Amino acid sequence: MAVVRGLPIAQESVDDLRTRVEGAVVAPGDGNYEQARRAWNLLVDQHPAVILLAGSAADVAEGVRFARAEGLGIAVQATGHGVSLPADDCLLIVTSAMQGVTVDAEARTARIEAGVKWGPVLEQAQQVGLAPLLGSSPDVGVIGYTLGGGLGWLARKHGLAADSVRAFEVVTPDGTLRRAGNGENSDLFWALRGGGGAFGVITAVEINLSPVTTVYGGNLFYPIEMAREVFTRYRDWVQAVPDEMTSSVLIANYPPVPEVPEFLHNRSFVQVRGCYAGPLEEGQALVEQWRDWAAPAIDVFGPMPFSQAAL
């Protein structure tokens, strides 16, 4: 018997789960336990009773039924970006190996499995002139981002990521794989679109794609001493911009690390960020209003493929 923080799990139960799944089952004391229990944020020090590295929706369903039989709570992790509570003394279902992405160019849809980040979806969709409603980083997981709503660079014109969802494939707490969409399990579908992941374990999502290929986007960097002026100007400017422009304003401090361009090291700026998903000349005209108001210290706004979504 393996004992984890006072919670006994029979070894034969763990071994039985191993025979019923195609993925791996990891328990404390196994050589890969330390690696398997990690979240993306290494400050999260979690100690699950059992870890299921799921390879399929069927694995997830088996895991949920195992947890019910053993009286365990369930935590779910794909990329591990969104961990808010450590997965202690429970079954941790890790879906990062579920990497299927299928894009239907004619229907303008994509089916995405639970472990996928936005990068592969963006790449495949852009090849056929389409775009998902991802955020500012393609390195974030699709499912967690979408379950939380998902505010991205096309939001004002095309909506949140949750608005693009056609259906979820979800294992409900009874261990059954179900499809939730407008035509079936519609209450569950309504709850999942922005309500978080507490209603089941998502194994895949089907989304609508938008016909976006080129945008006018980027950043204007102003000296940090102009922060009050820039924020005031931004407040007034956004009152009149069309829905094609999604934007933000922020203060950023850049450390001297390899991931940051050297000319930004140890510098602070107030930045105006944006993405115009309409005619490029209209987007340029909107940004020219800033350039005419005050010349930025650094100007990296311009036409770009939407595939460069990490603005």
C-alpha atoms as a PDB file:
ATOM      1  CA  MET A   1       0.000   0.000   0.000  1.00  0.00           C
ATOM      2  CA  ALA A   2       1.298   3.491  -0.912  1.00  0.00           C
ATOM      3  CA  VAL A   3       0.567   6.168   1.673  1.00  0.00           C
ATOM      4  CA  VAL A   4       0.430   9.802   0.547  1.00  0.00           C
ATOM      5  CA  ARG A   5      -0.006  12.495   3.205  1.00  0.00           C
ATOM      6  CA  GLY A   6      -2.097  10.096   5.259  1.00  0.00           C
ATOM      7  CA  LEU A   7      -4.304   8.890   2.360  1.00  0.00           C
ATOM      8  CA  PRO A   8      -3.994   5.114   1.650  1.00  0.00           C
ATOM      9  CA  ILE A   9      -4.326   3.858  -1.919  1.00  0.00           C
ATOM     10  CA  ALA A  10      -4.193   0.110  -2.456  1.00  0.00           C
ATOM     11  CA  GLN A  11      -1.381  -0.893  -4.816  1.00  0.00           C
ATOM     12  CA  GLU A  12      -3.655  -3.384  -6.523  1.00  0.00           C
ATOM     13  CA  SER A  13      -6.082  -0.565  -7.363  1.00  0.00           C
ATOM     14  CA  VAL A  14      -3.298   1.442  -8.984  1.00  0.00           C
ATOM     15  CA  ASP A  15      -2.077  -1.626 -10.874  1.00  0.00           C
ATOM     16  CA  ASP A  16      -5.611  -2.331 -12.086  1.00  0.00           C
ATOM     17  CA  LEU A  17      -5.909   1.214 -13.431  1.00  0.00           C
ATOM     18  CA  ARG A  18      -2.652   0.684 -15.335  1.00  0.00           C
ATOM     19  CA  THR A  19      -4.199  -2.269 -17.186  1.00  0.00           C
ATOM     20  CA  ARG A  20      -7.229  -0.219 -18.242  1.00  0.00           C
ATOM     21  CA  VAL A  21      -5.517   2.817 -19.806  1.00  0.00           C
ATOM     22  CA  GLU A  22      -3.162   3.371 -22.730  1.00  0.00           C
ATOM     23  CA  GLY A  23      -1.398   6.238 -20.974  1.00  0.00           C
ATOM     24  CA  ALA A  24       0.831   6.002 -17.907  1.00  0.00           C
ATOM     25  CA  VAL A  25      -0.178   5.804 -14.264  1.00  0.00           C
ATOM     26  CA  VAL A  26       2.340   7.298 -11.852  1.00  0.00           C
ATOM     27  CA  ALA A  27       2.364   6.860  -8.085  1.00  0.00           C
ATOM     28  CA  PRO A  28       4.605   8.278  -5.340  1.00  0.00           C
ATOM     29  CA  GLY A  29       7.886   6.415  -5.355  1.00  0.00           C
ATOM     30  CA  ASP A  30       7.870   5.859  -9.112  1.00  0.00           C
ATOM     31  CA  GLY A  31      10.929   7.238 -10.872  1.00  0.00           C
ATOM     32  CA  ASN A  32       8.946   9.731 -12.962  1.00  0.00           C
ATOM     33  CA  TYR A  33       6.697  10.974 -10.146  1.00  0.00           C
ATOM     34  CA  GLU A  34       8.686  14.161  -9.457  1.00  0.00           C
ATOM     35  CA  GLN A  35       8.556  15.193 -13.108  1.00  0.00           C
ATOM     36  CA  ALA A  36       4.908  14.205 -13.592  1.00  0.00           C
ATOM     37  CA  ARG A  37       3.634  16.182 -10.608  1.00  0.00           C
ATOM     38  CA  ARG A  38       5.096  19.522 -11.748  1.00  0.00           C
ATOM     39  CA  ALA A  39       3.021  22.459 -12.897  1.00  0.00           C
ATOM     40  CA  TRP A  40       4.359  25.103 -15.284  1.00  0.00           C
ATOM     41  CA  ASN A  41       4.799  27.400 -12.280  1.00  0.00           C
ATOM     42  CA  LEU A  42       7.357  25.587 -10.154  1.00  0.00           C
ATOM     43  CA  LEU A  43       6.180  27.456  -7.056  1.00  0.00           C
ATOM     44  CA  VAL A  44       3.193  25.090  -7.107  1.00  0.00           C
ATOM     45  CA  ASP A  45       4.464  22.202  -4.975  1.00  0.00           C
ATOM     46  CA  GLN A  46       1.749  19.575  -5.385  1.00  0.00           C
ATOM     47  CA  HIS A  47       1.694  15.950  -4.269  1.00  0.00           C
ATOM     48  CA  PRO A  48      -1.091  13.937  -5.944  1.00  0.00           C
ATOM     49  CA  ALA A  49      -2.000  10.511  -4.623  1.00  0.00           C
ATOM     50  CA  VAL A  50      -1.987   9.159  -8.187  1.00  0.00           C
ATOM     51  CA  ILE A  51      -1.191  10.769 -11.550  1.00  0.00           C
ATOM     52  CA  LEU A  52      -2.800   9.667 -14.813  1.00  0.00           C
ATOM     53  CA  LEU A  53      -0.920  10.754 -17.927  1.00  0.00           C
ATOM     54  CA  ALA A  54      -3.931  10.327 -20.175  1.00  0.00           C
ATOM     55  CA  GLY A  55      -3.511   9.339 -23.818  1.00  0.00           C
ATOM     56  CA  SER A  56      -7.170   9.488 -24.845  1.00  0.00           C
ATOM     57  CA  ALA A  57     -10.688  10.428 -23.804  1.00  0.00           C
ATOM     58  CA  ALA A  58     -11.216   6.793 -22.799  1.00  0.00           C
ATOM     59  CA  ASP A  59      -8.278   7.112 -20.385  1.00  0.00           C
ATOM     60  CA  VAL A  60      -9.834  10.197 -18.832  1.00  0.00           C
ATOM     61  CA  ALA A  61     -13.135   8.368 -18.333  1.00  0.00           C
ATOM     62  CA  GLU A  62     -11.330   5.444 -16.701  1.00  0.00           C
ATOM     63  CA  GLY A  63      -9.507   7.869 -14.427  1.00  0.00           C
ATOM     64  CA  VAL A  64     -12.696   9.571 -13.305  1.00  0.00           C
ATOM     65  CA  ARG A  65     -14.313   6.232 -12.513  1.00  0.00           C
ATOM     66  CA  PHE A  66     -11.180   5.162 -10.602  1.00  0.00           C
ATOM     67  CA  ALA A  67     -11.267   8.342  -8.523  1.00  0.00           C
ATOM     68  CA  ARG A  68     -14.936   7.832  -7.670  1.00  0.00           C
ATOM     69  CA  ALA A  69     -14.288   4.238  -6.599  1.00  0.00           C
ATOM     70  CA  GLU A  70     -11.340   5.268  -4.419  1.00  0.00           C
ATOM     71  CA  GLY A  71     -13.004   8.364  -2.940  1.00  0.00           C
ATOM     72  CA  LEU A  72     -10.410  10.695  -4.458  1.00  0.00           C
ATOM     73  CA  GLY A  73     -10.841  14.244  -5.601  1.00  0.00           C
ATOM     74  CA  ILE A  74      -9.841  15.043  -9.173  1.00  0.00           C
ATOM     75  CA  ALA A  75      -7.559  17.756 -10.545  1.00  0.00           C
ATOM     76  CA  VAL A  76      -6.889  18.331 -14.236  1.00  0.00           C
ATOM     77  CA  GLN A  77      -3.760  19.762 -15.823  1.00  0.00           C
ATOM     78  CA  ALA A  78      -2.804  20.260 -19.461  1.00  0.00           C
ATOM     79  CA  THR A  79       0.015  22.782 -19.765  1.00  0.00           C
ATOM     80  CA  GLY A  80      -0.133  23.587 -16.045  1.00  0.00           C
ATOM     81  CA  HIS A  81      -0.276  27.349 -16.639  1.00  0.00           C
ATOM     82  CA  GLY A  82      -3.508  27.885 -14.750  1.00  0.00           C
ATOM     83  CA  VAL A  83      -2.881  26.003 -11.510  1.00  0.00           C
ATOM     84  CA  SER A  84      -4.388  27.970  -8.614  1.00  0.00           C
ATOM     85  CA  LEU A  85      -4.594  25.215  -6.003  1.00  0.00           C
ATOM     86  CA  PRO A  86      -2.069  22.386  -5.603  1.00  0.00           C
ATOM     87  CA  ALA A  87      -3.365  18.943  -6.579  1.00  0.00           C
ATOM     88  CA  ASP A  88      -2.671  17.287  -3.234  1.00  0.00           C
ATOM     89  CA  ASP A  89      -3.978  13.867  -2.160  1.00  0.00           C
ATOM     90  CA  CYS A  90      -6.081  13.421  -5.291  1.00  0.00           C
ATOM     91  CA  LEU A  91      -6.023  11.946  -8.771  1.00  0.00           C
ATOM     92  CA  LEU A  92      -4.203  14.370 -11.085  1.00  0.00           C
ATOM     93  CA  ILE A  93      -5.242  13.824 -14.699  1.00  0.00           C
ATOM     94  CA  VAL A  94      -2.618  15.258 -17.046  1.00  0.00           C
ATOM     95  CA  THR A  95      -3.888  15.706 -20.610  1.00  0.00           C
ATOM     96  CA  SER A  96      -0.735  17.156 -22.209  1.00  0.00           C
ATOM     97  CA  ALA A  97      -0.204  14.077 -24.409  1.00  0.00           C
ATOM     98  CA  MET A  98      -3.568  14.585 -26.132  1.00  0.00           C
ATOM     99  CA  GLN A  99      -2.299  16.607 -29.096  1.00  0.00           C
ATOM    100  CA  GLY A 100      -4.794  16.094 -31.925  1.00  0.00           C
ATOM    101  CA  VAL A 101      -5.673  19.109 -34.104  1.00  0.00           C
ATOM    102  CA  THR A 102      -7.951  18.904 -37.155  1.00  0.00           C
ATOM    103  CA  VAL A 103      -8.871  21.966 -39.225  1.00  0.00           C
ATOM    104  CA  ASP A 104     -11.822  21.893 -41.640  1.00  0.00           C
ATOM    105  CA  ALA A 105     -11.211  24.778 -44.054  1.00  0.00           C
ATOM    106  CA  GLU A 106     -14.582  24.487 -45.787  1.00  0.00           C
ATOM    107  CA  ALA A 107     -16.597  24.482 -42.550  1.00  0.00           C
ATOM    108  CA  ARG A 108     -14.211  26.995 -40.916  1.00  0.00           C
ATOM    109  CA  THR A 109     -13.907  24.854 -37.813  1.00  0.00           C
ATOM    110  CA  ALA A 110     -11.248  23.080 -35.803  1.00  0.00           C
ATOM    111  CA  ARG A 111     -11.328  20.143 -33.399  1.00  0.00           C
ATOM    112  CA  ILE A 112      -8.669  20.406 -30.707  1.00  0.00           C
ATOM    113  CA  GLU A 113      -7.733  17.845 -28.068  1.00  0.00           C
ATOM    114  CA  ALA A 114      -7.188  18.683 -24.435  1.00  0.00           C
ATOM    115  CA  GLY A 115      -3.394  19.046 -24.294  1.00  0.00           C
ATOM    116  CA  VAL A 116      -2.937  21.362 -27.267  1.00  0.00           C
ATOM    117  CA  LYS A 117      -1.502  24.867 -27.044  1.00  0.00           C
ATOM    118  CA  TRP A 118      -2.712  27.588 -29.398  1.00  0.00           C
ATOM    119  CA  GLY A 119       0.452  27.567 -31.534  1.00  0.00           C
ATOM    120  CA  PRO A 120      -0.319  24.443 -33.609  1.00  0.00           C
ATOM    121  CA  VAL A 121      -3.954  25.537 -34.054  1.00  0.00           C
ATOM    122  CA  LEU A 122      -2.872  28.979 -35.250  1.00  0.00           C
ATOM    123  CA  GLU A 123      -0.342  27.494 -37.662  1.00  0.00           C
ATOM    124  CA  GLN A 124      -2.785  25.073 -39.282  1.00  0.00           C
ATOM    125  CA  ALA A 125      -5.618  27.593 -39.457  1.00  0.00           C
ATOM    126  CA  GLN A 126      -3.459  30.302 -41.042  1.00  0.00           C
ATOM    127  CA  GLN A 127      -2.410  27.905 -43.790  1.00  0.00           C
ATOM    128  CA  VAL A 128      -6.021  28.022 -45.049  1.00  0.00           C
ATOM    129  CA  GLY A 129      -6.636  31.715 -44.361  1.00  0.00           C
ATOM    130  CA  LEU A 130      -8.356  31.308 -40.998  1.00  0.00           C
ATOM    131  CA  ALA A 131      -7.638  32.227 -37.372  1.00  0.00           C
ATOM    132  CA  PRO A 132      -8.676  30.966 -33.934  1.00  0.00           C
ATOM    133  CA  LEU A 133      -9.592  33.428 -31.184  1.00  0.00           C
ATOM    134  CA  LEU A 134      -6.408  32.941 -29.188  1.00  0.00           C
ATOM    135  CA  GLY A 135      -4.820  35.438 -26.826  1.00  0.00           C
ATOM    136  CA  SER A 136      -1.512  37.261 -26.948  1.00  0.00           C
ATOM    137  CA  SER A 137       0.560  34.085 -26.490  1.00  0.00           C
ATOM    138  CA  PRO A 138       0.395  30.958 -28.701  1.00  0.00           C
ATOM    139  CA  ASP A 139       2.157  29.088 -25.863  1.00  0.00           C
ATOM    140  CA  VAL A 140      -1.002  28.905 -23.695  1.00  0.00           C
ATOM    141  CA  GLY A 141      -3.282  25.867 -23.581  1.00  0.00           C
ATOM    142  CA  VAL A 142      -6.475  26.018 -25.632  1.00  0.00           C
ATOM    143  CA  ILE A 143      -8.826  24.382 -23.135  1.00  0.00           C
ATOM    144  CA  GLY A 144      -7.987  26.320 -19.968  1.00  0.00           C
ATOM    145  CA  TYR A 145      -7.900  29.615 -21.857  1.00  0.00           C
ATOM    146  CA  THR A 146     -11.277  28.982 -23.470  1.00  0.00           C
ATOM    147  CA  LEU A 147     -12.995  27.733 -20.300  1.00  0.00           C
ATOM    148  CA  GLY A 148     -12.059  31.030 -18.639  1.00  0.00           C
ATOM    149  CA  GLY A 149     -13.581  33.096 -21.454  1.00  0.00           C
ATOM    150  CA  GLY A 150     -10.485  33.954 -23.438  1.00  0.00           C
ATOM    151  CA  LEU A 151      -9.934  37.629 -24.305  1.00  0.00           C
ATOM    152  CA  GLY A 152      -7.672  37.885 -27.354  1.00  0.00           C
ATOM    153  CA  TRP A 153      -6.602  40.223 -30.154  1.00  0.00           C
ATOM    154  CA  LEU A 154      -9.757  39.672 -32.224  1.00  0.00           C
ATOM    155  CA  ALA A 155     -12.174  39.962 -29.309  1.00  0.00           C
ATOM    156  CA  ARG A 156     -13.941  43.219 -30.145  1.00  0.00           C
ATOM    157  CA  LYS A 157     -14.755  42.078 -33.689  1.00  0.00           C
ATOM    158  CA  HIS A 158     -15.141  38.317 -33.309  1.00  0.00           C
ATOM    159  CA  GLY A 159     -15.769  37.756 -29.578  1.00  0.00           C
ATOM    160  CA  LEU A 160     -14.084  35.794 -26.807  1.00  0.00           C
ATOM    161  CA  ALA A 161     -12.646  32.331 -27.334  1.00  0.00           C
ATOM    162  CA  ALA A 162     -15.658  30.920 -25.476  1.00  0.00           C
ATOM    163  CA  ASP A 163     -17.937  32.537 -28.065  1.00  0.00           C
ATOM    164  CA  SER A 164     -16.316  30.493 -30.842  1.00  0.00           C
ATOM    165  CA  VAL A 165     -17.019  27.111 -29.241  1.00  0.00           C
ATOM    166  CA  ARG A 166     -19.377  24.822 -31.145  1.00  0.00           C
ATOM    167  CA  ALA A 167     -19.137  21.868 -28.767  1.00  0.00           C
ATOM    168  CA  PHE A 168     -17.135  20.330 -25.948  1.00  0.00           C
ATOM    169  CA  GLU A 169     -16.308  16.667 -25.482  1.00  0.00           C
ATOM    170  CA  VAL A 170     -16.351  16.215 -21.729  1.00  0.00           C
ATOM    171  CA  VAL A 171     -16.162  13.409 -19.186  1.00  0.00           C
ATOM    172  CA  THR A 172     -18.756  14.176 -16.538  1.00  0.00           C
ATOM    173  CA  PRO A 173     -18.375  13.209 -12.845  1.00  0.00           C
ATOM    174  CA  ASP A 174     -20.092   9.857 -13.425  1.00  0.00           C
ATOM    175  CA  GLY A 175     -17.255   8.852 -15.756  1.00  0.00           C
ATOM    176  CA  THR A 176     -19.277   9.172 -18.975  1.00  0.00           C
ATOM    177  CA  LEU A 177     -17.912  10.842 -22.122  1.00  0.00           C
ATOM    178  CA  ARG A 178     -20.523  13.264 -23.415  1.00  0.00           C
ATOM    179  CA  ARG A 179     -20.819  15.901 -26.133  1.00  0.00           C
ATOM    180  CA  ALA A 180     -22.099  19.289 -25.000  1.00  0.00           C
ATOM    181  CA  GLY A 181     -23.344  21.769 -27.593  1.00  0.00           C
ATOM    182  CA  ASN A 182     -26.403  23.800 -28.456  1.00  0.00           C
ATOM    183  CA  GLY A 183     -28.285  20.690 -29.526  1.00  0.00           C
ATOM    184  CA  GLU A 184     -27.324  18.318 -26.709  1.00  0.00           C
ATOM    185  CA  ASN A 185     -26.501  18.785 -23.039  1.00  0.00           C
ATOM    186  CA  SER A 186     -27.088  22.482 -23.691  1.00  0.00           C
ATOM    187  CA  ASP A 187     -27.123  23.471 -20.003  1.00  0.00           C
ATOM    188  CA  LEU A 188     -23.675  21.942 -19.535  1.00  0.00           C
ATOM    189  CA  PHE A 189     -22.519  23.669 -22.723  1.00  0.00           C
ATOM    190  CA  TRP A 190     -23.760  27.015 -21.392  1.00  0.00           C
ATOM    191  CA  ALA A 191     -21.925  26.484 -18.089  1.00  0.00           C
ATOM    192  CA  LEU A 192     -18.624  25.491 -19.695  1.00  0.00           C
ATOM    193  CA  ARG A 193     -18.432  28.512 -22.014  1.00  0.00           C
ATOM    194  CA  GLY A 194     -16.597  30.794 -19.634  1.00  0.00           C
ATOM    195  CA  GLY A 195     -17.646  29.124 -16.396  1.00  0.00           C
ATOM    196  CA  GLY A 196     -14.408  27.222 -15.815  1.00  0.00           C
ATOM    197  CA  GLY A 197     -13.667  23.521 -15.715  1.00  0.00           C
ATOM    198  CA  ALA A 198     -15.408  22.363 -12.543  1.00  0.00           C
ATOM    199  CA  PHE A 199     -18.245  20.603 -14.411  1.00  0.00           C
ATOM    200  CA  GLY A 200     -16.198  17.795 -15.931  1.00  0.00           C
ATOM    201  CA  VAL A 201     -12.924  16.972 -17.670  1.00  0.00           C
ATOM    202  CA  ILE A 202     -12.727  18.422 -21.178  1.00  0.00           C
ATOM    203  CA  THR A 203     -11.130  16.005 -23.643  1.00  0.00           C
ATOM    204  CA  ALA A 204     -11.648  18.050 -26.841  1.00  0.00           C
ATOM    205  CA  VAL A 205     -13.289  21.203 -28.135  1.00  0.00           C
ATOM    206  CA  GLU A 206     -14.725  22.130 -31.526  1.00  0.00           C
ATOM    207  CA  ILE A 207     -14.460  25.815 -32.428  1.00  0.00           C
ATOM    208  CA  ASN A 208     -15.352  28.200 -35.231  1.00  0.00           C
ATOM    209  CA  LEU A 209     -12.477  29.904 -37.050  1.00  0.00           C
ATOM    210  CA  SER A 210     -12.474  33.473 -38.393  1.00  0.00           C
ATOM    211  CA  PRO A 211     -11.272  34.644 -41.831  1.00  0.00           C
ATOM    212  CA  VAL A 212      -8.304  36.735 -40.660  1.00  0.00           C
ATOM    213  CA  THR A 213      -4.833  36.570 -42.221  1.00  0.00           C
ATOM    214  CA  THR A 214      -3.198  40.021 -42.092  1.00  0.00           C
ATOM    215  CA  VAL A 215      -3.620  42.677 -39.403  1.00  0.00           C
ATOM    216  CA  TYR A 216      -2.190  46.066 -38.488  1.00  0.00           C
ATOM    217  CA  GLY A 217      -0.717  45.399 -35.093  1.00  0.00           C
ATOM    218  CA  GLY A 218       2.126  45.920 -32.683  1.00  0.00           C
ATOM    219  CA  ASN A 219       3.298  48.191 -29.877  1.00  0.00           C
ATOM    220  CA  LEU A 220       4.096  51.834 -29.293  1.00  0.00           C
ATOM    221  CA  PHE A 221       6.658  52.294 -26.481  1.00  0.00           C
ATOM    222  CA  TYR A 222       6.569  55.614 -24.648  1.00  0.00           C
ATOM    223  CA  PRO A 223       8.938  56.714 -21.854  1.00  0.00           C
ATOM    224  CA  ILE A 224       7.716  55.619 -18.453  1.00  0.00           C
ATOM    225  CA  GLU A 225       7.648  59.286 -17.379  1.00  0.00           C
ATOM    226  CA  MET A 226       4.707  59.761 -19.776  1.00  0.00           C
ATOM    227  CA  ALA A 227       2.555  57.086 -18.132  1.00  0.00           C
ATOM    228  CA  ARG A 228      -0.137  59.436 -16.817  1.00  0.00           C
ATOM    229  CA  GLU A 229      -0.404  61.245 -20.158  1.00  0.00           C
ATOM    230  CA  VAL A 230      -0.535  58.013 -22.150  1.00  0.00           C
ATOM    231  CA  PHE A 231      -3.201  56.445 -19.957  1.00  0.00           C
ATOM    232  CA  THR A 232      -5.311  59.599 -20.143  1.00  0.00           C
ATOM    233  CA  ARG A 233      -4.895  59.764 -23.911  1.00  0.00           C
ATOM    234  CA  TYR A 234      -5.766  56.057 -24.239  1.00  0.00           C
ATOM    235  CA  ARG A 235      -8.957  56.493 -22.196  1.00  0.00           C
ATOM    236  CA  ASP A 236     -10.142  59.153 -24.644  1.00  0.00           C
ATOM    237  CA  TRP A 237      -8.880  57.413 -27.798  1.00  0.00           C
ATOM    238  CA  VAL A 238     -10.673  54.094 -27.239  1.00  0.00           C
ATOM    239  CA  GLN A 239     -14.060  55.812 -27.047  1.00  0.00           C
ATOM    240  CA  ALA A 240     -14.185  56.149 -30.837  1.00  0.00           C
ATOM    241  CA  VAL A 241     -12.180  53.243 -32.268  1.00  0.00           C
ATOM    242  CA  PRO A 242     -14.173  50.671 -34.313  1.00  0.00           C
ATOM    243  CA  ASP A 243     -14.692  47.063 -33.289  1.00  0.00           C
ATOM    244  CA  GLU A 244     -11.931  45.949 -35.645  1.00  0.00           C
ATOM    245  CA  MET A 245      -9.387  47.428 -33.200  1.00  0.00           C
ATOM    246  CA  THR A 246      -8.677  45.460 -30.028  1.00  0.00           C
ATOM    247  CA  SER A 247      -6.117  47.226 -27.843  1.00  0.00           C
ATOM    248  CA  SER A 248      -4.626  47.594 -24.392  1.00  0.00           C
ATOM    249  CA  VAL A 249      -2.298  49.861 -22.446  1.00  0.00           C
ATOM    250  CA  LEU A 250       0.244  48.706 -19.887  1.00  0.00           C
ATOM    251  CA  ILE A 251       3.416  49.452 -17.972  1.00  0.00           C
ATOM    252  CA  ALA A 252       6.255  46.964 -18.500  1.00  0.00           C
ATOM    253  CA  ASN A 253       9.627  46.564 -16.776  1.00  0.00           C
ATOM    254  CA  TYR A 254      12.102  44.574 -18.882  1.00  0.00           C
ATOM    255  CA  PRO A 255      14.737  42.452 -17.122  1.00  0.00           C
ATOM    256  CA  PRO A 256      18.152  41.627 -18.620  1.00  0.00           C
ATOM    257  CA  VAL A 257      17.294  38.060 -19.668  1.00  0.00           C
ATOM    258  CA  PRO A 258      17.989  36.307 -23.001  1.00  0.00           C
ATOM    259  CA  GLU A 259      14.296  36.198 -23.952  1.00  0.00           C
ATOM    260  CA  VAL A 260      14.131  40.020 -23.985  1.00  0.00           C
ATOM    261  CA  PRO A 261      15.799  42.047 -26.793  1.00  0.00           C
ATOM    262  CA  GLU A 262      18.944  43.705 -25.474  1.00  0.00           C
ATOM    263  CA  PHE A 263      17.777  47.230 -26.294  1.00  0.00           C
ATOM    264  CA  LEU A 264      14.946  46.760 -23.751  1.00  0.00           C
ATOM    265  CA  HIS A 265      17.129  45.467 -20.894  1.00  0.00           C
ATOM    266  CA  ASN A 266      16.646  47.252 -17.560  1.00  0.00           C
ATOM    267  CA  ARG A 267      14.204  49.725 -19.107  1.00  0.00           C
ATOM    268  CA  SER A 268      10.591  50.567 -18.302  1.00  0.00           C
ATOM    269  CA  PHE A 269       7.938  51.775 -20.723  1.00  0.00           C
ATOM    270  CA  VAL A 270       4.273  52.566 -20.962  1.00  0.00           C
ATOM    271  CA  GLN A 271       3.009  50.689 -24.020  1.00  0.00           C
ATOM    272  CA  VAL A 272       0.008  51.003 -26.289  1.00  0.00           C
ATOM    273  CA  ARG A 273      -0.712  47.623 -27.868  1.00  0.00           C
ATOM    274  CA  GLY A 274      -3.230  46.784 -30.545  1.00  0.00           C
ATOM    275  CA  CYS A 275      -4.441  44.649 -33.414  1.00  0.00           C
ATOM    276  CA  TYR A 276      -6.644  46.009 -36.204  1.00  0.00           C
ATOM    277  CA  ALA A 277      -8.489  43.220 -38.050  1.00  0.00           C
ATOM    278  CA  GLY A 278      -9.733  45.259 -40.995  1.00  0.00           C
ATOM    279  CA  PRO A 279      -8.342  47.201 -43.978  1.00  0.00           C
ATOM    280  CA  LEU A 280      -4.688  47.959 -43.241  1.00  0.00           C
ATOM    281  CA  GLU A 281      -4.967  51.625 -44.219  1.00  0.00           C
ATOM    282  CA  GLU A 282      -7.724  52.111 -41.631  1.00  0.00           C
ATOM    283  CA  GLY A 283      -5.606  50.515 -38.934  1.00  0.00           C
ATOM    284  CA  GLN A 284      -2.650  52.687 -39.883  1.00  0.00           C
ATOM    285  CA  ALA A 285      -4.795  55.820 -39.697  1.00  0.00           C
ATOM    286  CA  LEU A 286      -5.887  54.954 -36.156  1.00  0.00           C
ATOM    287  CA  VAL A 287      -2.303  54.448 -34.999  1.00  0.00           C
ATOM    288  CA  GLU A 288      -1.182  57.640 -36.769  1.00  0.00           C
ATOM    289  CA  GLN A 289      -3.349  59.486 -34.256  1.00  0.00           C
ATOM    290  CA  TRP A 290      -0.862  58.370 -31.593  1.00  0.00           C
ATOM    291  CA  ARG A 291       2.185  59.196 -33.671  1.00  0.00           C
ATOM    292  CA  ASP A 292       0.822  62.680 -34.362  1.00  0.00           C
ATOM    293  CA  TRP A 293       0.071  63.155 -30.660  1.00  0.00           C
ATOM    294  CA  ALA A 294       3.564  62.200 -29.481  1.00  0.00           C
ATOM    295  CA  ALA A 295       6.367  60.329 -31.199  1.00  0.00           C
ATOM    296  CA  PRO A 296       6.998  57.010 -29.388  1.00  0.00           C
ATOM    297  CA  ALA A 297      10.477  56.034 -28.238  1.00  0.00           C
ATOM    298  CA  ILE A 298      10.026  52.717 -30.077  1.00  0.00           C
ATOM    299  CA  ASP A 299       7.431  52.072 -32.789  1.00  0.00           C
ATOM    300  CA  VAL A 300       6.825  48.475 -33.865  1.00  0.00           C
ATOM    301  CA  PHE A 301       3.279  48.908 -35.200  1.00  0.00           C
ATOM    302  CA  GLY A 302       2.651  47.852 -38.786  1.00  0.00           C
ATOM    303  CA  PRO A 303       1.136  45.263 -41.153  1.00  0.00           C
ATOM    304  CA  MET A 304       1.859  41.704 -40.087  1.00  0.00           C
ATOM    305  CA  PRO A 305       0.552  38.158 -40.544  1.00  0.00           C
ATOM    306  CA  PHE A 306      -1.898  37.279 -37.816  1.00  0.00           C
ATOM    307  CA  SER A 307       0.348  34.284 -37.151  1.00  0.00           C
ATOM    308  CA  GLN A 308       2.560  36.768 -35.269  1.00  0.00           C
ATOM    309  CA  ALA A 309      -0.184  36.934 -32.669  1.00  0.00           C
ATOM    310  CA  ALA A 310       2.187  37.366 -29.716  1.00  0.00           C
ATOM    311  CA  LEU A 311       2.134  41.140 -30.001  1.00  0.00           C
END
